[in-house]
Amino acid sequence: MSEYKTILFEEKGPVRLITLNRPETLNSIGEGMEEEIHHALDVAEADDSARVIIINGAGRAFSSGYDIGSARNAGGMNMESMIEEGQNAAQHIARWFKNDRKMVVNQTHILELSKPVIACVHGWCMGGGTWLSLTCDMTFASEDATFGQPEVRMISNTSFLWTLLAGYKNSLRYSLTGDHVDAQEAYRIGLVNEVFPDKEAMMAEAFRLAERISMISPETVATNKYIATLGLQAMGLREALTNNWLLSSIAHSSQRPDFNRREMLEAAMENGMRGFLGVRDGPFQPEPFGPRSKPRE
């Protein structure tokens, strides 16, 4: 099997287990992780002995979401225009237009695989980590899982998958605030299939389900997955995801004097990521659900 730097890829009988493996950053999506995940998915897709793919995270979290590069490189930002030094407005928009296209490409990649993909979520599952988990065909969560899109608090976008799974009103409740959602609330609104007491029980059930799927012929499994996913695409899912991409580039470019990342970036330059997150998320605490809904001990 290929050597990866940010993930583990293991053969477990009929299961191909992908583990996000940057535990020191709570498995933040960066350093080529996204490319490695999708390469591993292609390897599993081409392997006739692979029947089910499971994605989970190492350490204390599934994924804290995309690396916030602007916080680490805050010194390279023009604090008046909120555009990177050396870029004009057209280049700024073009960069986001190109970058945000990755989301629709990666989501449709998973949806169009012939083999089912199960996400097993524990701990923090934020932003891009949430989108990855929701794109999978099934999503399991342990009791300590916390979902959210806090990046909307820093001039960013949501994903249409929230609307698809949680419904119009629930998706807007959380997509317009970036508020956290714990495992039980995620189950109530339809983001996850089932909640388990801990990661061990969750992984055991994912493997048990994979064994049951493996007793069905691979062609039947593929066909029945396509009945669901291609049916959704016929109903307009692909167009919705494409619109998501186009509108995301607008969201990322919609800085204005009274709503921008300036204070966050200045805090990052002074106190690193802790300072950045303190400015971004501090005003929203206590969160309605999850660890930040309670005072720190």
C-alpha atoms as a PDB file:
ATOM      1  CA  MET A   1       0.000   0.000   0.000  1.00  0.00           C
ATOM      2  CA  SER A   2       1.081   3.599  -0.584  1.00  0.00           C
ATOM      3  CA  GLU A   3       3.026   5.486   2.058  1.00  0.00           C
ATOM      4  CA  TYR A   4       1.086   8.450   3.432  1.00  0.00           C
ATOM      5  CA  LYS A   5       2.223  11.317   5.656  1.00  0.00           C
ATOM      6  CA  THR A   6      -1.074  12.535   7.103  1.00  0.00           C
ATOM      7  CA  ILE A   7      -3.294   9.444   7.114  1.00  0.00           C
ATOM      8  CA  LEU A   8      -3.063   5.748   7.891  1.00  0.00           C
ATOM      9  CA  PHE A   9      -4.490   3.316   5.340  1.00  0.00           C
ATOM     10  CA  GLU A  10      -5.024  -0.232   6.585  1.00  0.00           C
ATOM     11  CA  GLU A  11      -6.498  -3.442   5.220  1.00  0.00           C
ATOM     12  CA  LYS A  12      -8.850  -5.040   7.735  1.00  0.00           C
ATOM     13  CA  GLY A  13     -10.443  -8.003   5.970  1.00  0.00           C
ATOM     14  CA  PRO A  14     -13.117  -6.554   3.669  1.00  0.00           C
ATOM     15  CA  VAL A  15     -12.671  -3.111   5.252  1.00  0.00           C
ATOM     16  CA  ARG A  16     -10.233  -0.397   4.196  1.00  0.00           C
ATOM     17  CA  LEU A  17      -9.666   1.785   7.234  1.00  0.00           C
ATOM     18  CA  ILE A  18      -8.585   5.397   6.641  1.00  0.00           C
ATOM     19  CA  THR A  19      -7.410   7.172   9.794  1.00  0.00           C
ATOM     20  CA  LEU A  20      -6.790  10.914   9.768  1.00  0.00           C
ATOM     21  CA  ASN A  21      -3.408  11.037  11.450  1.00  0.00           C
ATOM     22  CA  ARG A  22      -2.395  14.510  12.557  1.00  0.00           C
ATOM     23  CA  PRO A  23      -3.405  14.129  16.219  1.00  0.00           C
ATOM     24  CA  GLU A  24      -1.131  16.984  17.299  1.00  0.00           C
ATOM     25  CA  THR A  25      -3.431  19.380  15.395  1.00  0.00           C
ATOM     26  CA  LEU A  26      -6.658  17.462  16.158  1.00  0.00           C
ATOM     27  CA  ASN A  27      -6.406  16.103  12.606  1.00  0.00           C
ATOM     28  CA  SER A  28      -6.738  19.495  10.946  1.00  0.00           C
ATOM     29  CA  ILE A  29      -7.040  19.151   7.187  1.00  0.00           C
ATOM     30  CA  GLY A  30      -3.804  20.439   5.732  1.00  0.00           C
ATOM     31  CA  GLU A  31      -0.327  19.347   4.664  1.00  0.00           C
ATOM     32  CA  GLY A  32      -1.809  17.378   1.770  1.00  0.00           C
ATOM     33  CA  MET A  33      -4.277  15.387   3.886  1.00  0.00           C
ATOM     34  CA  GLU A  34      -7.221  15.965   1.556  1.00  0.00           C
ATOM     35  CA  GLU A  35      -5.257  14.688  -1.436  1.00  0.00           C
ATOM     36  CA  GLU A  36      -4.108  11.622   0.512  1.00  0.00           C
ATOM     37  CA  ILE A  37      -7.650  10.789   1.654  1.00  0.00           C
ATOM     38  CA  HIS A  38      -8.957  10.837  -1.900  1.00  0.00           C
ATOM     39  CA  HIS A  39      -5.982   8.882  -3.227  1.00  0.00           C
ATOM     40  CA  ALA A  40      -6.673   6.190  -0.602  1.00  0.00           C
ATOM     41  CA  LEU A  41     -10.347   6.175  -1.581  1.00  0.00           C
ATOM     42  CA  ASP A  42      -9.345   5.523  -5.193  1.00  0.00           C
ATOM     43  CA  VAL A  43      -7.028   2.704  -4.108  1.00  0.00           C
ATOM     44  CA  ALA A  44      -9.865   1.097  -2.139  1.00  0.00           C
ATOM     45  CA  GLU A  45     -12.278   1.596  -5.041  1.00  0.00           C
ATOM     46  CA  ALA A  46      -9.915  -0.274  -7.389  1.00  0.00           C
ATOM     47  CA  ASP A  47      -9.394  -3.164  -4.942  1.00  0.00           C
ATOM     48  CA  ASP A  48     -11.877  -5.982  -5.577  1.00  0.00           C
ATOM     49  CA  SER A  49     -11.293  -7.396  -2.096  1.00  0.00           C
ATOM     50  CA  ALA A  50     -12.274  -4.106  -0.455  1.00  0.00           C
ATOM     51  CA  ARG A  51     -16.000  -3.930   0.266  1.00  0.00           C
ATOM     52  CA  VAL A  52     -16.453  -1.070   2.733  1.00  0.00           C
ATOM     53  CA  ILE A  53     -14.369   2.013   3.606  1.00  0.00           C
ATOM     54  CA  ILE A  54     -14.333   3.428   7.143  1.00  0.00           C
ATOM     55  CA  ILE A  55     -12.909   6.871   7.931  1.00  0.00           C
ATOM     56  CA  ASN A  56     -11.999   7.844  11.499  1.00  0.00           C
ATOM     57  CA  GLY A  57      -9.560  10.093  13.349  1.00  0.00           C
ATOM     58  CA  ALA A  58      -6.521   9.409  15.516  1.00  0.00           C
ATOM     59  CA  GLY A  59      -6.168  10.884  18.979  1.00  0.00           C
ATOM     60  CA  ARG A  60      -8.774  13.089  20.626  1.00  0.00           C
ATOM     61  CA  ALA A  61     -10.776  14.155  17.573  1.00  0.00           C
ATOM     62  CA  PHE A  62     -12.125  13.237  14.179  1.00  0.00           C
ATOM     63  CA  SER A  63     -10.991  16.552  12.684  1.00  0.00           C
ATOM     64  CA  SER A  64     -10.804  20.176  13.778  1.00  0.00           C
ATOM     65  CA  GLY A  65     -11.419  21.223  10.163  1.00  0.00           C
ATOM     66  CA  TYR A  66      -9.274  22.978   7.610  1.00  0.00           C
ATOM     67  CA  ASP A  67      -6.006  24.554   8.700  1.00  0.00           C
ATOM     68  CA  ILE A  68      -6.589  28.266   9.135  1.00  0.00           C
ATOM     69  CA  GLY A  69      -3.597  29.417   7.101  1.00  0.00           C
ATOM     70  CA  SER A  70      -4.574  33.075   7.333  1.00  0.00           C
ATOM     71  CA  ALA A  71      -4.050  32.957  11.077  1.00  0.00           C
ATOM     72  CA  ARG A  72      -0.530  31.572  10.794  1.00  0.00           C
ATOM     73  CA  ASN A  73       0.350  33.981   7.984  1.00  0.00           C
ATOM     74  CA  ALA A  74      -1.454  37.019   9.316  1.00  0.00           C
ATOM     75  CA  GLY A  75       1.558  39.214   8.730  1.00  0.00           C
ATOM     76  CA  GLY A  76       1.088  38.831   4.967  1.00  0.00           C
ATOM     77  CA  MET A  77      -2.418  40.314   5.007  1.00  0.00           C
ATOM     78  CA  ASN A  78      -3.254  43.906   4.126  1.00  0.00           C
ATOM     79  CA  MET A  79      -5.277  44.954   7.159  1.00  0.00           C
ATOM     80  CA  GLU A  80      -7.175  47.621   5.261  1.00  0.00           C
ATOM     81  CA  SER A  81      -8.366  45.606   2.262  1.00  0.00           C
ATOM     82  CA  MET A  82      -8.158  42.183   3.970  1.00  0.00           C
ATOM     83  CA  ILE A  83      -6.450  40.902   0.813  1.00  0.00           C
ATOM     84  CA  GLU A  84      -3.064  39.194   0.861  1.00  0.00           C
ATOM     85  CA  GLU A  85      -0.187  41.538   0.123  1.00  0.00           C
ATOM     86  CA  GLY A  86       0.658  41.615  -3.570  1.00  0.00           C
ATOM     87  CA  GLN A  87      -2.804  40.493  -4.690  1.00  0.00           C
ATOM     88  CA  ASN A  88      -5.484  42.605  -6.315  1.00  0.00           C
ATOM     89  CA  ALA A  89      -9.233  42.072  -5.865  1.00  0.00           C
ATOM     90  CA  ALA A  90      -9.524  39.958  -9.012  1.00  0.00           C
ATOM     91  CA  GLN A  91      -6.705  37.643  -7.895  1.00  0.00           C
ATOM     92  CA  HIS A  92      -8.255  37.391  -4.433  1.00  0.00           C
ATOM     93  CA  ILE A  93     -11.620  36.282  -5.840  1.00  0.00           C
ATOM     94  CA  ALA A  94      -9.965  33.931  -8.356  1.00  0.00           C
ATOM     95  CA  ARG A  95      -7.996  32.240  -5.551  1.00  0.00           C
ATOM     96  CA  TRP A  96     -11.157  31.518  -3.586  1.00  0.00           C
ATOM     97  CA  PHE A  97     -13.001  30.453  -6.747  1.00  0.00           C
ATOM     98  CA  LYS A  98     -10.307  27.859  -7.454  1.00  0.00           C
ATOM     99  CA  ASN A  99      -9.926  26.756  -3.829  1.00  0.00           C
ATOM    100  CA  ASP A 100     -13.640  26.342  -3.136  1.00  0.00           C
ATOM    101  CA  ARG A 101     -14.096  24.109  -6.167  1.00  0.00           C
ATOM    102  CA  LYS A 102     -12.267  21.398  -4.212  1.00  0.00           C
ATOM    103  CA  MET A 103     -15.307  20.957  -1.993  1.00  0.00           C
ATOM    104  CA  VAL A 104     -17.685  19.976  -4.788  1.00  0.00           C
ATOM    105  CA  VAL A 105     -15.039  17.778  -6.446  1.00  0.00           C
ATOM    106  CA  ASN A 106     -14.285  15.919  -3.216  1.00  0.00           C
ATOM    107  CA  GLN A 107     -17.919  15.521  -2.205  1.00  0.00           C
ATOM    108  CA  THR A 108     -19.007  14.129  -5.562  1.00  0.00           C
ATOM    109  CA  HIS A 109     -15.978  11.803  -5.511  1.00  0.00           C
ATOM    110  CA  ILE A 110     -17.218  10.115  -2.338  1.00  0.00           C
ATOM    111  CA  LEU A 111     -20.837  10.078  -3.482  1.00  0.00           C
ATOM    112  CA  GLU A 112     -19.892   8.401  -6.763  1.00  0.00           C
ATOM    113  CA  LEU A 113     -17.694   5.638  -5.334  1.00  0.00           C
ATOM    114  CA  SER A 114     -19.211   2.187  -5.831  1.00  0.00           C
ATOM    115  CA  LYS A 115     -18.307   1.175  -2.279  1.00  0.00           C
ATOM    116  CA  PRO A 116     -20.013   2.488   0.850  1.00  0.00           C
ATOM    117  CA  VAL A 117     -18.062   4.863   3.075  1.00  0.00           C
ATOM    118  CA  ILE A 118     -18.770   5.081   6.816  1.00  0.00           C
ATOM    119  CA  ALA A 119     -17.525   8.020   8.892  1.00  0.00           C
ATOM    120  CA  CYS A 120     -16.863   7.278  12.574  1.00  0.00           C
ATOM    121  CA  VAL A 121     -16.754  10.561  14.474  1.00  0.00           C
ATOM    122  CA  HIS A 122     -15.465  11.169  17.967  1.00  0.00           C
ATOM    123  CA  GLY A 123     -14.413  14.373  19.677  1.00  0.00           C
ATOM    124  CA  TRP A 124     -14.214  17.573  17.663  1.00  0.00           C
ATOM    125  CA  CYS A 125     -15.626  17.473  14.140  1.00  0.00           C
ATOM    126  CA  MET A 126     -15.488  21.046  12.891  1.00  0.00           C
ATOM    127  CA  GLY A 127     -15.799  22.789   9.536  1.00  0.00           C
ATOM    128  CA  GLY A 128     -14.214  20.722   6.788  1.00  0.00           C
ATOM    129  CA  GLY A 129     -14.185  17.753   9.150  1.00  0.00           C
ATOM    130  CA  THR A 130     -17.960  18.000   9.492  1.00  0.00           C
ATOM    131  CA  TRP A 131     -18.377  18.265   5.717  1.00  0.00           C
ATOM    132  CA  LEU A 132     -16.217  15.171   5.215  1.00  0.00           C
ATOM    133  CA  SER A 133     -18.204  13.190   7.779  1.00  0.00           C
ATOM    134  CA  LEU A 134     -21.560  14.237   6.296  1.00  0.00           C
ATOM    135  CA  THR A 135     -20.481  13.414   2.735  1.00  0.00           C
ATOM    136  CA  CYS A 136     -19.920   9.784   3.714  1.00  0.00           C
ATOM    137  CA  ASP A 137     -22.755   7.348   3.049  1.00  0.00           C
ATOM    138  CA  MET A 138     -23.278   6.713   6.746  1.00  0.00           C
ATOM    139  CA  THR A 139     -22.114   8.671   9.770  1.00  0.00           C
ATOM    140  CA  PHE A 140     -21.699   7.221  13.267  1.00  0.00           C
ATOM    141  CA  ALA A 141     -20.876   9.338  16.316  1.00  0.00           C
ATOM    142  CA  SER A 142     -19.662   8.657  19.823  1.00  0.00           C
ATOM    143  CA  GLU A 143     -21.250  10.542  22.714  1.00  0.00           C
ATOM    144  CA  ASP A 144     -18.320  12.960  22.916  1.00  0.00           C
ATOM    145  CA  ALA A 145     -18.628  14.072  19.270  1.00  0.00           C
ATOM    146  CA  THR A 146     -19.184  17.775  18.604  1.00  0.00           C
ATOM    147  CA  PHE A 147     -20.072  19.093  15.144  1.00  0.00           C
ATOM    148  CA  GLY A 148     -20.080  22.672  13.900  1.00  0.00           C
ATOM    149  CA  GLN A 149     -19.127  25.203  11.270  1.00  0.00           C
ATOM    150  CA  PRO A 150     -17.499  27.985  13.334  1.00  0.00           C
ATOM    151  CA  GLU A 151     -15.785  29.308  10.207  1.00  0.00           C
ATOM    152  CA  VAL A 152     -19.013  31.127   9.268  1.00  0.00           C
ATOM    153  CA  ARG A 153     -18.019  33.505  12.066  1.00  0.00           C
ATOM    154  CA  MET A 154     -14.935  34.511  10.059  1.00  0.00           C
ATOM    155  CA  ILE A 155     -16.494  35.343   6.667  1.00  0.00           C
ATOM    156  CA  SER A 156     -16.882  31.829   5.297  1.00  0.00           C
ATOM    157  CA  ASN A 157     -19.404  29.374   3.909  1.00  0.00           C
ATOM    158  CA  THR A 158     -21.592  26.466   4.915  1.00  0.00           C
ATOM    159  CA  SER A 159     -22.287  23.260   2.978  1.00  0.00           C
ATOM    160  CA  PHE A 160     -25.575  22.325   1.311  1.00  0.00           C
ATOM    161  CA  LEU A 161     -25.189  18.879   2.887  1.00  0.00           C
ATOM    162  CA  TRP A 162     -26.487  20.400   6.130  1.00  0.00           C
ATOM    163  CA  THR A 163     -29.708  21.324   4.322  1.00  0.00           C
ATOM    164  CA  LEU A 164     -29.944  17.932   2.628  1.00  0.00           C
ATOM    165  CA  LEU A 165     -29.577  16.002   5.884  1.00  0.00           C
ATOM    166  CA  ALA A 166     -30.915  18.269   8.625  1.00  0.00           C
ATOM    167  CA  GLY A 167     -33.599  20.095   6.646  1.00  0.00           C
ATOM    168  CA  TYR A 168     -34.021  23.742   5.782  1.00  0.00           C
ATOM    169  CA  LYS A 169     -34.848  25.131   9.222  1.00  0.00           C
ATOM    170  CA  ASN A 170     -32.328  23.077  11.219  1.00  0.00           C
ATOM    171  CA  SER A 171     -29.549  23.802   8.740  1.00  0.00           C
ATOM    172  CA  LEU A 172     -30.149  27.542   8.921  1.00  0.00           C
ATOM    173  CA  ARG A 173     -30.266  27.403  12.734  1.00  0.00           C
ATOM    174  CA  TYR A 174     -26.666  26.199  12.807  1.00  0.00           C
ATOM    175  CA  SER A 175     -25.270  27.489   9.517  1.00  0.00           C
ATOM    176  CA  LEU A 176     -26.095  31.127  10.269  1.00  0.00           C
ATOM    177  CA  THR A 177     -24.362  31.086  13.668  1.00  0.00           C
ATOM    178  CA  GLY A 178     -21.638  28.451  13.545  1.00  0.00           C
ATOM    179  CA  ASP A 179     -23.027  27.103  16.819  1.00  0.00           C
ATOM    180  CA  HIS A 180     -21.875  23.706  18.062  1.00  0.00           C
ATOM    181  CA  VAL A 181     -24.038  20.580  17.830  1.00  0.00           C
ATOM    182  CA  ASP A 182     -23.430  17.627  20.147  1.00  0.00           C
ATOM    183  CA  ALA A 183     -23.913  13.999  19.154  1.00  0.00           C
ATOM    184  CA  GLN A 184     -27.486  13.728  20.418  1.00  0.00           C
ATOM    185  CA  GLU A 185     -28.603  16.916  18.674  1.00  0.00           C
ATOM    186  CA  ALA A 186     -26.836  15.744  15.502  1.00  0.00           C
ATOM    187  CA  TYR A 187     -28.835  12.515  15.729  1.00  0.00           C
ATOM    188  CA  ARG A 188     -32.094  14.364  16.395  1.00  0.00           C
ATOM    189  CA  ILE A 189     -31.795  16.575  13.311  1.00  0.00           C
ATOM    190  CA  GLY A 190     -30.521  13.808  11.020  1.00  0.00           C
ATOM    191  CA  LEU A 191     -26.801  14.433  10.645  1.00  0.00           C
ATOM    192  CA  VAL A 192     -25.796  11.002  11.981  1.00  0.00           C
ATOM    193  CA  ASN A 193     -27.198   7.473  11.840  1.00  0.00           C
ATOM    194  CA  GLU A 194     -26.516   6.434  15.399  1.00  0.00           C
ATOM    195  CA  VAL A 195     -24.775   7.516  18.601  1.00  0.00           C
ATOM    196  CA  PHE A 196     -22.557   5.204  20.665  1.00  0.00           C
ATOM    197  CA  PRO A 197     -21.262   5.506  24.243  1.00  0.00           C
ATOM    198  CA  ASP A 198     -17.610   5.670  23.150  1.00  0.00           C
ATOM    199  CA  LYS A 199     -15.281   5.311  20.193  1.00  0.00           C
ATOM    200  CA  GLU A 200     -14.610   1.627  20.837  1.00  0.00           C
ATOM    201  CA  ALA A 201     -18.311   0.723  20.652  1.00  0.00           C
ATOM    202  CA  MET A 202     -18.724   2.897  17.562  1.00  0.00           C
ATOM    203  CA  MET A 203     -15.844   1.278  15.693  1.00  0.00           C
ATOM    204  CA  ALA A 204     -17.037  -2.199  16.660  1.00  0.00           C
ATOM    205  CA  GLU A 205     -20.463  -1.489  15.176  1.00  0.00           C
ATOM    206  CA  ALA A 206     -18.964   0.002  12.016  1.00  0.00           C
ATOM    207  CA  PHE A 207     -16.949  -3.168  11.437  1.00  0.00           C
ATOM    208  CA  ARG A 208     -19.969  -5.346  12.263  1.00  0.00           C
ATOM    209  CA  LEU A 209     -22.035  -3.449   9.709  1.00  0.00           C
ATOM    210  CA  ALA A 210     -19.229  -3.740   7.162  1.00  0.00           C
ATOM    211  CA  GLU A 211     -19.253  -7.515   7.598  1.00  0.00           C
ATOM    212  CA  ARG A 212     -23.001  -7.590   6.986  1.00  0.00           C
ATOM    213  CA  ILE A 213     -22.627  -5.478   3.847  1.00  0.00           C
ATOM    214  CA  SER A 214     -19.878  -7.829   2.672  1.00  0.00           C
ATOM    215  CA  MET A 215     -22.361 -10.729   2.652  1.00  0.00           C
ATOM    216  CA  ILE A 216     -24.193  -8.984  -0.218  1.00  0.00           C
ATOM    217  CA  SER A 217     -22.748  -9.190  -3.730  1.00  0.00           C
ATOM    218  CA  PRO A 218     -20.551  -6.163  -4.569  1.00  0.00           C
ATOM    219  CA  GLU A 219     -22.565  -5.414  -7.702  1.00  0.00           C
ATOM    220  CA  THR A 220     -25.779  -5.321  -5.693  1.00  0.00           C
ATOM    221  CA  VAL A 221     -24.220  -3.047  -3.077  1.00  0.00           C
ATOM    222  CA  ALA A 222     -22.900  -0.697  -5.766  1.00  0.00           C
ATOM    223  CA  THR A 223     -26.228  -0.600  -7.579  1.00  0.00           C
ATOM    224  CA  ASN A 224     -28.197   0.092  -4.430  1.00  0.00           C
ATOM    225  CA  LYS A 225     -25.785   2.852  -3.406  1.00  0.00           C
ATOM    226  CA  TYR A 226     -26.196   4.419  -6.853  1.00  0.00           C
ATOM    227  CA  ILE A 227     -29.989   4.232  -6.585  1.00  0.00           C
ATOM    228  CA  ALA A 228     -29.656   6.602  -3.624  1.00  0.00           C
ATOM    229  CA  THR A 229     -26.817   8.854  -4.748  1.00  0.00           C
ATOM    230  CA  LEU A 230     -27.679   9.118  -8.436  1.00  0.00           C
ATOM    231  CA  GLY A 231     -31.295   9.633  -7.454  1.00  0.00           C
ATOM    232  CA  LEU A 232     -30.250  12.597  -5.322  1.00  0.00           C
ATOM    233  CA  GLN A 233     -28.206  13.932  -8.209  1.00  0.00           C
ATOM    234  CA  ALA A 234     -31.202  13.596 -10.550  1.00  0.00           C
ATOM    235  CA  MET A 235     -33.181  15.617  -8.009  1.00  0.00           C
ATOM    236  CA  GLY A 236     -30.598  18.399  -8.218  1.00  0.00           C
ATOM    237  CA  LEU A 237     -27.879  17.550  -5.668  1.00  0.00           C
ATOM    238  CA  ARG A 238     -24.985  18.075  -8.102  1.00  0.00           C
ATOM    239  CA  GLU A 239     -26.378  21.457  -9.132  1.00  0.00           C
ATOM    240  CA  ALA A 240     -26.816  22.389  -5.476  1.00  0.00           C
ATOM    241  CA  LEU A 241     -23.199  21.453  -4.706  1.00  0.00           C
ATOM    242  CA  THR A 242     -22.003  23.412  -7.750  1.00  0.00           C
ATOM    243  CA  ASN A 243     -23.945  26.459  -6.577  1.00  0.00           C
ATOM    244  CA  ASN A 244     -22.426  25.885  -3.144  1.00  0.00           C
ATOM    245  CA  TRP A 245     -18.967  26.188  -4.717  1.00  0.00           C
ATOM    246  CA  LEU A 246     -19.788  29.376  -6.621  1.00  0.00           C
ATOM    247  CA  LEU A 247     -21.455  31.051  -3.649  1.00  0.00           C
ATOM    248  CA  SER A 248     -18.676  29.960  -1.285  1.00  0.00           C
ATOM    249  CA  SER A 249     -16.154  31.994  -3.265  1.00  0.00           C
ATOM    250  CA  ILE A 250     -18.419  35.025  -2.788  1.00  0.00           C
ATOM    251  CA  ALA A 251     -18.752  34.340   0.931  1.00  0.00           C
ATOM    252  CA  HIS A 252     -14.984  34.140   1.348  1.00  0.00           C
ATOM    253  CA  SER A 253     -14.549  37.419  -0.543  1.00  0.00           C
ATOM    254  CA  SER A 254     -17.223  39.380   1.319  1.00  0.00           C
ATOM    255  CA  GLN A 255     -14.987  41.294   3.726  1.00  0.00           C
ATOM    256  CA  ARG A 256     -16.258  44.714   4.797  1.00  0.00           C
ATOM    257  CA  PRO A 257     -14.982  47.311   7.298  1.00  0.00           C
ATOM    258  CA  ASP A 258     -17.421  46.290  10.049  1.00  0.00           C
ATOM    259  CA  PHE A 259     -17.294  42.515   9.436  1.00  0.00           C
ATOM    260  CA  ASN A 260     -13.846  41.117   8.634  1.00  0.00           C
ATOM    261  CA  ARG A 261     -11.024  39.049  10.057  1.00  0.00           C
ATOM    262  CA  ARG A 262      -8.873  41.987  11.170  1.00  0.00           C
ATOM    263  CA  GLU A 263      -9.214  41.568  14.944  1.00  0.00           C
ATOM    264  CA  MET A 264      -8.803  37.807  14.583  1.00  0.00           C
ATOM    265  CA  LEU A 265      -5.619  38.201  12.536  1.00  0.00           C
ATOM    266  CA  GLU A 266      -4.177  40.777  14.919  1.00  0.00           C
ATOM    267  CA  ALA A 267      -4.894  38.414  17.810  1.00  0.00           C
ATOM    268  CA  ALA A 268      -3.218  35.608  15.854  1.00  0.00           C
ATOM    269  CA  MET A 269      -0.077  37.673  15.323  1.00  0.00           C
ATOM    270  CA  GLU A 270       0.062  38.374  19.051  1.00  0.00           C
ATOM    271  CA  ASN A 271      -1.114  35.087  20.571  1.00  0.00           C
ATOM    272  CA  GLY A 272      -1.228  32.537  17.756  1.00  0.00           C
ATOM    273  CA  MET A 273      -4.200  30.268  17.117  1.00  0.00           C
ATOM    274  CA  ARG A 274      -5.413  30.562  20.712  1.00  0.00           C
ATOM    275  CA  GLY A 275      -5.762  34.306  20.244  1.00  0.00           C
ATOM    276  CA  PHE A 276      -7.429  33.911  16.850  1.00  0.00           C
ATOM    277  CA  LEU A 277     -10.018  31.447  18.161  1.00  0.00           C
ATOM    278  CA  GLY A 278     -10.591  33.520  21.287  1.00  0.00           C
ATOM    279  CA  VAL A 279     -11.659  36.521  19.205  1.00  0.00           C
ATOM    280  CA  ARG A 280     -13.658  34.421  16.750  1.00  0.00           C
ATOM    281  CA  ASP A 281     -15.518  32.170  19.174  1.00  0.00           C
ATOM    282  CA  GLY A 282     -15.373  33.994  22.506  1.00  0.00           C
ATOM    283  CA  PRO A 283     -18.469  36.164  21.888  1.00  0.00           C
ATOM    284  CA  PHE A 284     -20.499  33.033  21.043  1.00  0.00           C
ATOM    285  CA  GLN A 285     -19.799  31.230  24.305  1.00  0.00           C
ATOM    286  CA  PRO A 286     -21.488  29.496  25.931  1.00  0.00           C
ATOM    287  CA  GLU A 287     -22.313  27.305  22.941  1.00  0.00           C
ATOM    288  CA  PRO A 288     -25.725  25.610  22.928  1.00  0.00           C
ATOM    289  CA  PHE A 289     -24.155  22.129  22.943  1.00  0.00           C
ATOM    290  CA  GLY A 290     -20.810  20.411  23.494  1.00  0.00           C
ATOM    291  CA  PRO A 291     -17.826  21.092  25.776  1.00  0.00           C
ATOM    292  CA  ARG A 292     -18.040  24.876  25.315  1.00  0.00           C
ATOM    293  CA  SER A 293     -21.614  24.940  26.602  1.00  0.00           C
ATOM    294  CA  LYS A 294     -20.276  24.593  30.126  1.00  0.00           C
ATOM    295  CA  PRO A 295     -17.839  26.803  32.041  1.00  0.00           C
ATOM    296  CA  ARG A 296     -14.270  25.536  31.903  1.00  0.00           C
ATOM    297  CA  GLU A 297     -13.152  23.787  35.063  1.00  0.00           C
END
